[in-house]
Structure formats: C-alpha cells, structure tokens
Amino acid sequence: MKLLYICCIFLVSVLLNGCGGYQAIPQKVGNNYYLVGDDNCRRGREIRNGIVECYDADGNYKGTRSAMTQQDMYMWNARRQQEIAEQQMLNQQMHYYNMQQQMQNLNNRLYLGY
C-alpha cells in the first residue's frame, strides 16, 4: 500500500514538473530576464526593450513574451524552491520505504532460517 502511495506521489510530481519536453527558466536577453527554454520558446531574440520573440527548436516563430518583473522572478524562484523541497521529500520517502523492505526481508530470512 505504501509503495502505491509513493508511486502516486512520484507521478503527480512528474506531471506537475512537466514530464517530457523542456522547462522554461529565466534567461537574460538584452537587459531583461525572460522565461525562455521551453518547447515554445527554445530561444528568444529581444526585438525591443521588454519584448522577446520566441522560436522553437526548428527555428519556427512561436510568438512574443514580455520581460519578467521582480515579482515574476520572486514567484518563479519560490516555485522552484518548492519543487526542490518536494523532490527531496519524495527521495526521503523512497529511502524510508526501501529501508523498511530490507528490514522485512531480513526478518523473513531470520524467521525462516535462511
């Protein structure tokens, strides 16, 4: 039952973090920071102050994005820190589960006299 719970947490974590594809991260283009790097904006080119044109991996134009504000940067960083904390918690839960399994296997061997 715990394994099912841990697997569900892992799947939710993967889905929330965007399984597959690329994840946008703040990148400095010109004098501003933009969310660039995801599938719809693999690379950006600043066309004027505060606006960047986005292109996919094949060089196709995908639209424009505005520069990030200080609040945008703060929120992006807070979400990233939360994702890191969630991943660390998941890793600890997996480690705890593995230790429980090892102890159970050892107890079974001792009980059965292997």
PDB file of N, CA and C in Angstrom:
ATOM      1  N   MET A   1       0.822  -1.189   0.000  1.00  0.00           N
ATOM      2  CA  MET A   1       0.000   0.000   0.000  1.00  0.00           C
ATOM      3  C   MET A   1       0.870   1.258   0.000  1.00  0.00           C
ATOM      4  N   LYS A   2       1.931   1.228   0.822  1.00  0.00           N
ATOM      5  CA  LYS A   2       2.823   2.394   0.848  1.00  0.00           C
ATOM      6  C   LYS A   2       3.509   2.593  -0.489  1.00  0.00           C
ATOM      7  N   LEU A   3       3.862   1.512  -1.149  1.00  0.00           N
ATOM      8  CA  LEU A   3       4.509   1.623  -2.455  1.00  0.00           C
ATOM      9  C   LEU A   3       3.567   2.306  -3.436  1.00  0.00           C
ATOM     10  N   LEU A   4       2.299   1.957  -3.400  1.00  0.00           N
ATOM     11  CA  LEU A   4       1.320   2.598  -4.272  1.00  0.00           C
ATOM     12  C   LEU A   4       1.231   4.090  -3.973  1.00  0.00           C
ATOM     13  N   TYR A   5       1.221   4.438  -2.693  1.00  0.00           N
ATOM     14  CA  TYR A   5       1.175   5.844  -2.272  1.00  0.00           C
ATOM     15  C   TYR A   5       2.398   6.601  -2.785  1.00  0.00           C
ATOM     16  N   ILE A   6       3.563   6.022  -2.627  1.00  0.00           N
ATOM     17  CA  ILE A   6       4.808   6.672  -3.062  1.00  0.00           C
ATOM     18  C   ILE A   6       4.835   6.806  -4.583  1.00  0.00           C
ATOM     19  N   CYS A   7       4.378   5.785  -5.283  1.00  0.00           N
ATOM     20  CA  CYS A   7       4.328   5.863  -6.752  1.00  0.00           C
ATOM     21  C   CYS A   7       3.379   6.961  -7.213  1.00  0.00           C
ATOM     22  N   CYS A   8       2.249   7.100  -6.525  1.00  0.00           N
ATOM     23  CA  CYS A   8       1.296   8.167  -6.876  1.00  0.00           C
ATOM     24  C   CYS A   8       1.921   9.536  -6.661  1.00  0.00           C
ATOM     25  N   ILE A   9       2.622   9.708  -5.551  1.00  0.00           N
ATOM     26  CA  ILE A   9       3.291  10.989  -5.284  1.00  0.00           C
ATOM     27  C   ILE A   9       4.314  11.267  -6.377  1.00  0.00           C
ATOM     28  N   PHE A  10       5.068  10.254  -6.762  1.00  0.00           N
ATOM     29  CA  PHE A  10       6.076  10.425  -7.807  1.00  0.00           C
ATOM     30  C   PHE A  10       5.430  10.843  -9.123  1.00  0.00           C
ATOM     31  N   LEU A  11       4.355  10.180  -9.506  1.00  0.00           N
ATOM     32  CA  LEU A  11       3.685  10.502 -10.759  1.00  0.00           C
ATOM     33  C   LEU A  11       3.122  11.926 -10.751  1.00  0.00           C
ATOM     34  N   VAL A  12       2.523  12.323  -9.641  1.00  0.00           N
ATOM     35  CA  VAL A  12       1.999  13.685  -9.533  1.00  0.00           C
ATOM     36  C   VAL A  12       3.147  14.684  -9.638  1.00  0.00           C
ATOM     37  N   SER A  13       4.262  14.380  -8.988  1.00  0.00           N
ATOM     38  CA  SER A  13       5.420  15.269  -9.041  1.00  0.00           C
ATOM     39  C   SER A  13       5.932  15.411 -10.468  1.00  0.00           C
ATOM     40  N   VAL A  14       6.011  14.311 -11.183  1.00  0.00           N
ATOM     41  CA  VAL A  14       6.482  14.341 -12.566  1.00  0.00           C
ATOM     42  C   VAL A  14       5.526  15.147 -13.441  1.00  0.00           C
ATOM     43  N   LEU A  15       4.233  14.918 -13.264  1.00  0.00           N
ATOM     44  CA  LEU A  15       3.245  15.639 -14.066  1.00  0.00           C
ATOM     45  C   LEU A  15       3.253  17.127 -13.772  1.00  0.00           C
ATOM     46  N   LEU A  16       3.393  17.506 -12.502  1.00  0.00           N
ATOM     47  CA  LEU A  16       3.422  18.916 -12.150  1.00  0.00           C
ATOM     48  C   LEU A  16       4.689  19.599 -12.634  1.00  0.00           C
ATOM     49  N   ASN A  17       5.765  18.871 -12.694  1.00  0.00           N
ATOM     50  CA  ASN A  17       7.027  19.450 -13.128  1.00  0.00           C
ATOM     51  C   ASN A  17       7.178  19.436 -14.639  1.00  0.00           C
ATOM     52  N   GLY A  18       6.222  18.870 -15.331  1.00  0.00           N
ATOM     53  CA  GLY A  18       6.262  18.887 -16.792  1.00  0.00           C
ATOM     54  C   GLY A  18       7.116  17.767 -17.350  1.00  0.00           C
ATOM     55  N   CYS A  19       6.588  16.569 -17.303  1.00  0.00           N
ATOM     56  CA  CYS A  19       7.340  15.439 -17.836  1.00  0.00           C
ATOM     57  C   CYS A  19       7.507  15.617 -19.341  1.00  0.00           C
ATOM     58  N   GLY A  20       8.637  15.278 -19.820  1.00  0.00           N
ATOM     59  CA  GLY A  20       8.923  15.418 -21.240  1.00  0.00           C
ATOM     60  C   GLY A  20       9.096  16.869 -21.621  1.00  0.00           C
ATOM     61  N   GLY A  21       9.732  17.098 -22.718  1.00  0.00           N
ATOM     62  CA  GLY A  21       9.929  18.471 -23.176  1.00  0.00           C
ATOM     63  C   GLY A  21      10.915  19.227 -22.303  1.00  0.00           C
ATOM     64  N   TYR A  22      10.932  20.506 -22.515  1.00  0.00           N
ATOM     65  CA  TYR A  22      11.856  21.360 -21.798  1.00  0.00           C
ATOM     66  C   TYR A  22      11.079  22.293 -20.881  1.00  0.00           C
ATOM     67  N   GLN A  23      11.753  22.782 -19.847  1.00  0.00           N
ATOM     68  CA  GLN A  23      11.134  23.686 -18.904  1.00  0.00           C
ATOM     69  C   GLN A  23      11.771  25.060 -19.038  1.00  0.00           C
ATOM     70  N   ALA A  24      10.925  26.076 -19.106  1.00  0.00           N
ATOM     71  CA  ALA A  24      11.430  27.440 -19.235  1.00  0.00           C
ATOM     72  C   ALA A  24      12.100  27.886 -17.937  1.00  0.00           C
ATOM     73  N   ILE A  25      13.206  28.576 -18.086  1.00  0.00           N
ATOM     74  CA  ILE A  25      13.908  29.157 -16.949  1.00  0.00           C
ATOM     75  C   ILE A  25      14.229  30.612 -17.286  1.00  0.00           C
ATOM     76  N   PRO A  26      14.356  31.453 -16.269  1.00  0.00           N
ATOM     77  CA  PRO A  26      14.709  32.846 -16.557  1.00  0.00           C
ATOM     78  C   PRO A  26      16.087  32.934 -17.207  1.00  0.00           C
ATOM     79  N   GLN A  27      16.138  33.618 -18.326  1.00  0.00           N
ATOM     80  CA  GLN A  27      17.404  33.839 -19.027  1.00  0.00           C
ATOM     81  C   GLN A  27      17.493  35.304 -19.398  1.00  0.00           C
ATOM     82  N   LYS A  28      18.696  35.835 -19.251  1.00  0.00           N
ATOM     83  CA  LYS A  28      18.894  37.235 -19.595  1.00  0.00           C
ATOM     84  C   LYS A  28      19.065  37.368 -21.106  1.00  0.00           C
ATOM     85  N   VAL A  29      18.215  38.184 -21.694  1.00  0.00           N
ATOM     86  CA  VAL A  29      18.289  38.505 -23.119  1.00  0.00           C
ATOM     87  C   VAL A  29      18.292  40.023 -23.180  1.00  0.00           C
ATOM     88  N   GLY A  30      19.362  40.592 -23.673  1.00  0.00           N
ATOM     89  CA  GLY A  30      19.484  42.048 -23.654  1.00  0.00           C
ATOM     90  C   GLY A  30      19.631  42.517 -22.214  1.00  0.00           C
ATOM     91  N   ASN A  31      18.780  43.429 -21.792  1.00  0.00           N
ATOM     92  CA  ASN A  31      18.847  43.961 -20.431  1.00  0.00           C
ATOM     93  C   ASN A  31      17.791  43.386 -19.499  1.00  0.00           C
ATOM     94  N   ASN A  32      17.012  42.414 -19.961  1.00  0.00           N
ATOM     95  CA  ASN A  32      15.900  41.882 -19.171  1.00  0.00           C
ATOM     96  C   ASN A  32      15.982  40.364 -19.064  1.00  0.00           C
ATOM     97  N   TYR A  33      15.196  39.836 -18.115  1.00  0.00           N
ATOM     98  CA  TYR A  33      15.060  38.393 -17.965  1.00  0.00           C
ATOM     99  C   TYR A  33      13.711  37.953 -18.534  1.00  0.00           C
ATOM    100  N   TYR A  34      13.745  36.841 -19.272  1.00  0.00           N
ATOM    101  CA  TYR A  34      12.557  36.267 -19.894  1.00  0.00           C
ATOM    102  C   TYR A  34      12.510  34.784 -19.567  1.00  0.00           C
ATOM    103  N   LEU A  35      11.297  34.219 -19.532  1.00  0.00           N
ATOM    104  CA  LEU A  35      11.160  32.768 -19.411  1.00  0.00           C
ATOM    105  C   LEU A  35      11.374  32.169 -20.788  1.00  0.00           C
ATOM    106  N   VAL A  36      12.532  31.571 -20.970  1.00  0.00           N
ATOM    107  CA  VAL A  36      12.935  31.016 -22.257  1.00  0.00           C
ATOM    108  C   VAL A  36      13.490  29.613 -22.017  1.00  0.00           C
ATOM    109  N   GLY A  37      13.287  28.729 -22.987  1.00  0.00           N
ATOM    110  CA  GLY A  37      13.876  27.403 -22.901  1.00  0.00           C
ATOM    111  C   GLY A  37      12.873  26.269 -23.020  1.00  0.00           C
ATOM    112  N   ASP A  38      11.571  26.580 -22.953  1.00  0.00           N
ATOM    113  CA  ASP A  38      10.572  25.520 -23.101  1.00  0.00           C
ATOM    114  C   ASP A  38      10.358  25.218 -24.580  1.00  0.00           C
ATOM    115  N   ASP A  39       9.464  24.285 -24.874  1.00  0.00           N
ATOM    116  CA  ASP A  39       9.251  23.856 -26.258  1.00  0.00           C
ATOM    117  C   ASP A  39       8.795  24.999 -27.171  1.00  0.00           C
ATOM    118  N   ASN A  40       8.008  25.927 -26.647  1.00  0.00           N
ATOM    119  CA  ASN A  40       7.512  27.033 -27.463  1.00  0.00           C
ATOM    120  C   ASN A  40       8.438  28.239 -27.503  1.00  0.00           C
ATOM    121  N   CYS A  41       9.502  28.169 -26.764  1.00  0.00           N
ATOM    122  CA  CYS A  41      10.444  29.292 -26.760  1.00  0.00           C
ATOM    123  C   CYS A  41      11.849  28.766 -26.455  1.00  0.00           C
ATOM    124  N   ARG A  42      12.333  27.898 -27.329  1.00  0.00           N
ATOM    125  CA  ARG A  42      13.662  27.313 -27.121  1.00  0.00           C
ATOM    126  C   ARG A  42      14.735  28.396 -27.141  1.00  0.00           C
ATOM    127  N   ARG A  43      14.513  29.395 -27.964  1.00  0.00           N
ATOM    128  CA  ARG A  43      15.450  30.520 -27.964  1.00  0.00           C
ATOM    129  C   ARG A  43      14.653  31.788 -28.231  1.00  0.00           C
ATOM    130  N   GLY A  44      15.162  32.870 -27.652  1.00  0.00           N
ATOM    131  CA  GLY A  44      14.472  34.142 -27.805  1.00  0.00           C
ATOM    132  C   GLY A  44      15.412  35.218 -28.324  1.00  0.00           C
ATOM    133  N   ARG A  45      14.811  36.189 -28.986  1.00  0.00           N
ATOM    134  CA  ARG A  45      15.574  37.326 -29.519  1.00  0.00           C
ATOM    135  C   ARG A  45      14.794  38.583 -29.143  1.00  0.00           C
ATOM    136  N   GLU A  46      15.459  39.461 -28.400  1.00  0.00           N
ATOM    137  CA  GLU A  46      14.801  40.686 -27.982  1.00  0.00           C
ATOM    138  C   GLU A  46      14.580  41.588 -29.193  1.00  0.00           C
ATOM    139  N   ILE A  47      13.327  41.991 -29.397  1.00  0.00           N
ATOM    140  CA  ILE A  47      13.017  42.842 -30.548  1.00  0.00           C
ATOM    141  C   ILE A  47      12.896  44.305 -30.120  1.00  0.00           C
ATOM    142  N   ARG A  48      12.555  44.518 -28.862  1.00  0.00           N
ATOM    143  CA  ARG A  48      12.585  45.853 -28.266  1.00  0.00           C
ATOM    144  C   ARG A  48      12.622  45.657 -26.756  1.00  0.00           C
ATOM    145  N   ASN A  49      12.911  46.702 -26.039  1.00  0.00           N
ATOM    146  CA  ASN A  49      13.054  46.587 -24.600  1.00  0.00           C
ATOM    147  C   ASN A  49      11.777  46.034 -23.966  1.00  0.00           C
ATOM    148  N   GLY A  50      11.893  44.879 -23.323  1.00  0.00           N
ATOM    149  CA  GLY A  50      10.758  44.271 -22.645  1.00  0.00           C
ATOM    150  C   GLY A  50       9.988  43.249 -23.449  1.00  0.00           C
ATOM    151  N   ILE A  51      10.349  43.030 -24.716  1.00  0.00           N
ATOM    152  CA  ILE A  51       9.642  42.057 -25.576  1.00  0.00           C
ATOM    153  C   ILE A  51      10.679  41.177 -26.273  1.00  0.00           C
ATOM    154  N   VAL A  52      10.433  39.859 -26.223  1.00  0.00           N
ATOM    155  CA  VAL A  52      11.319  38.910 -26.895  1.00  0.00           C
ATOM    156  C   VAL A  52      10.481  38.065 -27.854  1.00  0.00           C
ATOM    157  N   GLU A  53      11.020  37.790 -29.034  1.00  0.00           N
ATOM    158  CA  GLU A  53      10.398  36.864 -29.976  1.00  0.00           C
ATOM    159  C   GLU A  53      10.858  35.468 -29.630  1.00  0.00           C
ATOM    160  N   CYS A  54       9.938  34.511 -29.669  1.00  0.00           N
ATOM    161  CA  CYS A  54      10.253  33.123 -29.332  1.00  0.00           C
ATOM    162  C   CYS A  54      10.268  32.246 -30.583  1.00  0.00           C
ATOM    163  N   TYR A  55      11.206  31.316 -30.578  1.00  0.00           N
ATOM    164  CA  TYR A  55      11.352  30.360 -31.679  1.00  0.00           C
ATOM    165  C   TYR A  55      11.497  28.964 -31.095  1.00  0.00           C
ATOM    166  N   ASP A  56      10.910  27.972 -31.771  1.00  0.00           N
ATOM    167  CA  ASP A  56      11.040  26.590 -31.318  1.00  0.00           C
ATOM    168  C   ASP A  56      12.381  26.020 -31.777  1.00  0.00           C
ATOM    169  N   ALA A  57      12.596  24.731 -31.515  1.00  0.00           N
ATOM    170  CA  ALA A  57      13.873  24.086 -31.842  1.00  0.00           C
ATOM    171  C   ALA A  57      14.156  24.077 -33.335  1.00  0.00           C
ATOM    172  N   ASP A  58      13.099  24.127 -34.163  1.00  0.00           N
ATOM    173  CA  ASP A  58      13.269  24.135 -35.618  1.00  0.00           C
ATOM    174  C   ASP A  58      13.404  25.543 -36.189  1.00  0.00           C
ATOM    175  N   GLY A  59      13.376  26.541 -35.319  1.00  0.00           N
ATOM    176  CA  GLY A  59      13.508  27.917 -35.775  1.00  0.00           C
ATOM    177  C   GLY A  59      12.200  28.565 -36.186  1.00  0.00           C
ATOM    178  N   ASN A  60      11.084  27.915 -35.927  1.00  0.00           N
ATOM    179  CA  ASN A  60       9.772  28.471 -36.266  1.00  0.00           C
ATOM    180  C   ASN A  60       9.357  29.513 -35.232  1.00  0.00           C
ATOM    181  N   TYR A  61       8.833  30.619 -35.702  1.00  0.00           N
ATOM    182  CA  TYR A  61       8.352  31.693 -34.834  1.00  0.00           C
ATOM    183  C   TYR A  61       7.150  31.215 -34.036  1.00  0.00           C
ATOM    184  N   LYS A  62       7.166  31.454 -32.711  1.00  0.00           N
ATOM    185  CA  LYS A  62       6.086  30.980 -31.841  1.00  0.00           C
ATOM    186  C   LYS A  62       5.365  32.101 -31.097  1.00  0.00           C
ATOM    187  N   GLY A  63       5.760  33.339 -31.283  1.00  0.00           N
ATOM    188  CA  GLY A  63       5.088  34.438 -30.596  1.00  0.00           C
ATOM    189  C   GLY A  63       6.072  35.281 -29.796  1.00  0.00           C
ATOM    190  N   THR A  64       5.524  36.141 -28.954  1.00  0.00           N
ATOM    191  CA  THR A  64       6.369  37.014 -28.140  1.00  0.00           C
ATOM    192  C   THR A  64       6.086  36.789 -26.664  1.00  0.00           C
ATOM    193  N   ARG A  65       7.042  37.178 -25.844  1.00  0.00           N
ATOM    194  CA  ARG A  65       6.900  37.145 -24.394  1.00  0.00           C
ATOM    195  C   ARG A  65       7.425  38.454 -23.822  1.00  0.00           C
ATOM    196  N   SER A  66       6.795  38.846 -22.735  1.00  0.00           N
ATOM    197  CA  SER A  66       7.226  40.060 -22.032  1.00  0.00           C
ATOM    198  C   SER A  66       8.315  39.717 -21.029  1.00  0.00           C
ATOM    199  N   ALA A  67       9.096  40.726 -20.697  1.00  0.00           N
ATOM    200  CA  ALA A  67      10.146  40.559 -19.698  1.00  0.00           C
ATOM    201  C   ALA A  67       9.523  40.241 -18.336  1.00  0.00           C
ATOM    202  N   MET A  68      10.267  39.530 -17.516  1.00  0.00           N
ATOM    203  CA  MET A  68       9.805  39.196 -16.172  1.00  0.00           C
ATOM    204  C   MET A  68       9.976  40.412 -15.265  1.00  0.00           C
ATOM    205  N   THR A  69       8.992  40.619 -14.403  1.00  0.00           N
ATOM    206  CA  THR A  69       9.092  41.670 -13.396  1.00  0.00           C
ATOM    207  C   THR A  69       9.825  41.109 -12.174  1.00  0.00           C
ATOM    208  N   GLN A  70      10.121  41.958 -11.214  1.00  0.00           N
ATOM    209  CA  GLN A  70      10.733  41.481  -9.963  1.00  0.00           C
ATOM    210  C   GLN A  70       9.801  40.470  -9.292  1.00  0.00           C
ATOM    211  N   GLN A  71       8.493  40.740  -9.316  1.00  0.00           N
ATOM    212  CA  GLN A  71       7.516  39.818  -8.728  1.00  0.00           C
ATOM    213  C   GLN A  71       7.523  38.473  -9.462  1.00  0.00           C
ATOM    214  N   ASP A  72       7.612  38.497 -10.784  1.00  0.00           N
ATOM    215  CA  ASP A  72       7.696  37.252 -11.568  1.00  0.00           C
ATOM    216  C   ASP A  72       8.921  36.439 -11.161  1.00  0.00           C
ATOM    217  N   MET A  73      10.049  37.126 -11.021  1.00  0.00           N
ATOM    218  CA  MET A  73      11.291  36.440 -10.639  1.00  0.00           C
ATOM    219  C   MET A  73      11.154  35.821  -9.249  1.00  0.00           C
ATOM    220  N   TYR A  74      10.569  36.566  -8.326  1.00  0.00           N
ATOM    221  CA  TYR A  74      10.372  36.067  -6.965  1.00  0.00           C
ATOM    222  C   TYR A  74       9.476  34.831  -6.972  1.00  0.00           C
ATOM    223  N   MET A  75       8.360  34.900  -7.696  1.00  0.00           N
ATOM    224  CA  MET A  75       7.426  33.773  -7.745  1.00  0.00           C
ATOM    225  C   MET A  75       8.047  32.557  -8.428  1.00  0.00           C
ATOM    226  N   TRP A  76       8.807  32.772  -9.493  1.00  0.00           N
ATOM    227  CA  TRP A  76       9.453  31.655 -10.173  1.00  0.00           C
ATOM    228  C   TRP A  76      10.425  30.964  -9.214  1.00  0.00           C
ATOM    229  N   ASN A  77      11.201  31.769  -8.492  1.00  0.00           N
ATOM    230  CA  ASN A  77      12.172  31.206  -7.559  1.00  0.00           C
ATOM    231  C   ASN A  77      11.472  30.463  -6.421  1.00  0.00           C
ATOM    232  N   ALA A  78      10.380  31.002  -5.907  1.00  0.00           N
ATOM    233  CA  ALA A  78       9.636  30.342  -4.832  1.00  0.00           C
ATOM    234  C   ALA A  78       9.079  29.000  -5.309  1.00  0.00           C
ATOM    235  N   ARG A  79       8.524  28.959  -6.527  1.00  0.00           N
ATOM    236  CA  ARG A  79       8.009  27.691  -7.072  1.00  0.00           C
ATOM    237  C   ARG A  79       9.135  26.679  -7.249  1.00  0.00           C
ATOM    238  N   ARG A  80      10.270  27.157  -7.723  1.00  0.00           N
ATOM    239  CA  ARG A  80      11.420  26.256  -7.923  1.00  0.00           C
ATOM    240  C   ARG A  80      11.881  25.669  -6.594  1.00  0.00           C
ATOM    241  N   GLN A  81      11.951  26.503  -5.555  1.00  0.00           N
ATOM    242  CA  GLN A  81      12.352  26.015  -4.234  1.00  0.00           C
ATOM    243  C   GLN A  81      11.350  24.991  -3.702  1.00  0.00           C
ATOM    244  N   GLN A  82      10.062  25.205  -3.975  1.00  0.00           N
ATOM    245  CA  GLN A  82       9.041  24.255  -3.550  1.00  0.00           C
ATOM    246  C   GLN A  82       9.206  22.928  -4.286  1.00  0.00           C
ATOM    247  N   GLU A  83       9.490  22.977  -5.587  1.00  0.00           N
ATOM    248  CA  GLU A  83       9.711  21.747  -6.354  1.00  0.00           C
ATOM    249  C   GLU A  83      10.898  20.968  -5.804  1.00  0.00           C
ATOM    250  N   ILE A  84      11.966  21.679  -5.450  1.00  0.00           N
ATOM    251  CA  ILE A  84      13.155  21.030  -4.889  1.00  0.00           C
ATOM    252  C   ILE A  84      12.811  20.365  -3.562  1.00  0.00           C
ATOM    253  N   ALA A  85      12.075  21.065  -2.709  1.00  0.00           N
ATOM    254  CA  ALA A  85      11.688  20.510  -1.410  1.00  0.00           C
ATOM    255  C   ALA A  85      10.803  19.279  -1.591  1.00  0.00           C
ATOM    256  N   GLU A  86       9.871  19.330  -2.540  1.00  0.00           N
ATOM    257  CA  GLU A  86       9.001  18.181  -2.796  1.00  0.00           C
ATOM    258  C   GLU A  86       9.805  16.984  -3.300  1.00  0.00           C
ATOM    259  N   GLN A  87      10.765  17.239  -4.162  1.00  0.00           N
ATOM    260  CA  GLN A  87      11.602  16.153  -4.677  1.00  0.00           C
ATOM    261  C   GLN A  87      12.449  15.542  -3.559  1.00  0.00           C
ATOM    262  N   GLN A  88      12.976  16.377  -2.675  1.00  0.00           N
ATOM    263  CA  GLN A  88      13.763  15.868  -1.548  1.00  0.00           C
ATOM    264  C   GLN A  88      12.893  15.016  -0.626  1.00  0.00           C
ATOM    265  N   MET A  89      11.654  15.469  -0.382  1.00  0.00           N
ATOM    266  CA  MET A  89      10.745  14.711   0.465  1.00  0.00           C
ATOM    267  C   MET A  89      10.415  13.365  -0.175  1.00  0.00           C
ATOM    268  N   LEU A  90      10.183  13.360  -1.469  1.00  0.00           N
ATOM    269  CA  LEU A  90       9.906  12.121  -2.183  1.00  0.00           C
ATOM    270  C   LEU A  90      11.099  11.169  -2.095  1.00  0.00           C
ATOM    271  N   ASN A  91      12.303  11.694  -2.266  1.00  0.00           N
ATOM    272  CA  ASN A  91      13.501  10.865  -2.151  1.00  0.00           C
ATOM    273  C   ASN A  91      13.628  10.261  -0.757  1.00  0.00           C
ATOM    274  N   GLN A  92      13.314  11.050   0.274  1.00  0.00           N
ATOM    275  CA  GLN A  92      13.368  10.535   1.643  1.00  0.00           C
ATOM    276  C   GLN A  92      12.336   9.438   1.857  1.00  0.00           C
ATOM    277  N   GLN A  93      11.131   9.625   1.313  1.00  0.00           N
ATOM    278  CA  GLN A  93      10.090   8.606   1.444  1.00  0.00           C
ATOM    279  C   GLN A  93      10.496   7.313   0.740  1.00  0.00           C
ATOM    280  N   MET A  94      11.087   7.435  -0.430  1.00  0.00           N
ATOM    281  CA  MET A  94      11.543   6.239  -1.156  1.00  0.00           C
ATOM    282  C   MET A  94      12.646   5.530  -0.366  1.00  0.00           C
ATOM    283  N   HIS A  95      13.564   6.294   0.203  1.00  0.00           N
ATOM    284  CA  HIS A  95      14.641   5.716   1.005  1.00  0.00           C
ATOM    285  C   HIS A  95      14.054   4.988   2.217  1.00  0.00           C
ATOM    286  N   TYR A  96      13.108   5.624   2.908  1.00  0.00           N
ATOM    287  CA  TYR A  96      12.465   5.021   4.074  1.00  0.00           C
ATOM    288  C   TYR A  96      11.759   3.729   3.681  1.00  0.00           C
ATOM    289  N   TYR A  97      11.044   3.742   2.556  1.00  0.00           N
ATOM    290  CA  TYR A  97      10.348   2.545   2.094  1.00  0.00           C
ATOM    291  C   TYR A  97      11.350   1.425   1.796  1.00  0.00           C
ATOM    292  N   ASN A  98      12.450   1.755   1.117  1.00  0.00           N
ATOM    293  CA  ASN A  98      13.467   0.746   0.800  1.00  0.00           C
ATOM    294  C   ASN A  98      14.077   0.157   2.072  1.00  0.00           C
ATOM    295  N   MET A  99      14.305   1.004   3.066  1.00  0.00           N
ATOM    296  CA  MET A  99      14.856   0.508   4.339  1.00  0.00           C
ATOM    297  C   MET A  99      13.858  -0.432   5.013  1.00  0.00           C
ATOM    298  N   GLN A 100      12.568  -0.097   4.972  1.00  0.00           N
ATOM    299  CA  GLN A 100      11.549  -0.968   5.552  1.00  0.00           C
ATOM    300  C   GLN A 100      11.524  -2.315   4.834  1.00  0.00           C
ATOM    301  N   GLN A 101      11.628  -2.283   3.522  1.00  0.00           N
ATOM    302  CA  GLN A 101      11.628  -3.527   2.749  1.00  0.00           C
ATOM    303  C   GLN A 101      12.842  -4.380   3.104  1.00  0.00           C
ATOM    304  N   GLN A 102      13.996  -3.765   3.229  1.00  0.00           N
ATOM    305  CA  GLN A 102      15.206  -4.506   3.587  1.00  0.00           C
ATOM    306  C   GLN A 102      15.069  -5.129   4.974  1.00  0.00           C
ATOM    307  N   MET A 103      14.502  -4.373   5.911  1.00  0.00           N
ATOM    308  CA  MET A 103      14.312  -4.909   7.266  1.00  0.00           C
ATOM    309  C   MET A 103      13.311  -6.071   7.240  1.00  0.00           C
ATOM    310  N   GLN A 104      12.252  -5.944   6.463  1.00  0.00           N
ATOM    311  CA  GLN A 104      11.263  -7.016   6.360  1.00  0.00           C
ATOM    312  C   GLN A 104      11.896  -8.269   5.757  1.00  0.00           C
ATOM    313  N   ASN A 105      12.711  -8.091   4.710  1.00  0.00           N
ATOM    314  CA  ASN A 105      13.398  -9.236   4.095  1.00  0.00           C
ATOM    315  C   ASN A 105      14.343  -9.906   5.079  1.00  0.00           C
ATOM    316  N   LEU A 106      15.056  -9.105   5.850  1.00  0.00           N
ATOM    317  CA  LEU A 106      15.969  -9.654   6.850  1.00  0.00           C
ATOM    318  C   LEU A 106      15.196 -10.412   7.918  1.00  0.00           C
ATOM    319  N   ASN A 107      14.090  -9.851   8.377  1.00  0.00           N
ATOM    320  CA  ASN A 107      13.263 -10.534   9.373  1.00  0.00           C
ATOM    321  C   ASN A 107      12.716 -11.836   8.830  1.00  0.00           C
ATOM    322  N   ASN A 108      12.295 -11.843   7.565  1.00  0.00           N
ATOM    323  CA  ASN A 108      11.791 -13.081   6.958  1.00  0.00           C
ATOM    324  C   ASN A 108      12.886 -14.127   6.882  1.00  0.00           C
ATOM    325  N   ARG A 109      14.098 -13.739   6.545  1.00  0.00           N
ATOM    326  CA  ARG A 109      15.200 -14.709   6.474  1.00  0.00           C
ATOM    327  C   ARG A 109      15.514 -15.281   7.851  1.00  0.00           C
ATOM    328  N   LEU A 110      15.536 -14.401   8.850  1.00  0.00           N
ATOM    329  CA  LEU A 110      15.831 -14.867  10.214  1.00  0.00           C
ATOM    330  C   LEU A 110      14.730 -15.798  10.720  1.00  0.00           C
ATOM    331  N   TYR A 111      13.487 -15.466  10.428  1.00  0.00           N
ATOM    332  CA  TYR A 111      12.358 -16.267  10.866  1.00  0.00           C
ATOM    333  C   TYR A 111      12.330 -17.609  10.169  1.00  0.00           C
ATOM    334  N   LEU A 112      12.627 -17.609   8.855  1.00  0.00           N
ATOM    335  CA  LEU A 112      12.582 -18.849   8.095  1.00  0.00           C
ATOM    336  C   LEU A 112      13.875 -19.641   8.194  1.00  0.00           C
ATOM    337  N   GLY A 113      14.904 -19.039   8.765  1.00  0.00           N
ATOM    338  CA  GLY A 113      16.167 -19.741   8.971  1.00  0.00           C
ATOM    339  C   GLY A 113      17.022 -19.897   7.739  1.00  0.00           C
ATOM    340  N   TYR A 114      17.056 -18.896   6.852  1.00  0.00           N
ATOM    341  CA  TYR A 114      17.887 -18.979   5.646  1.00  0.00           C
ATOM    342  C   TYR A 114      19.333 -18.937   6.003  1.00  0.00           C
TER     343      TYR A 114
END
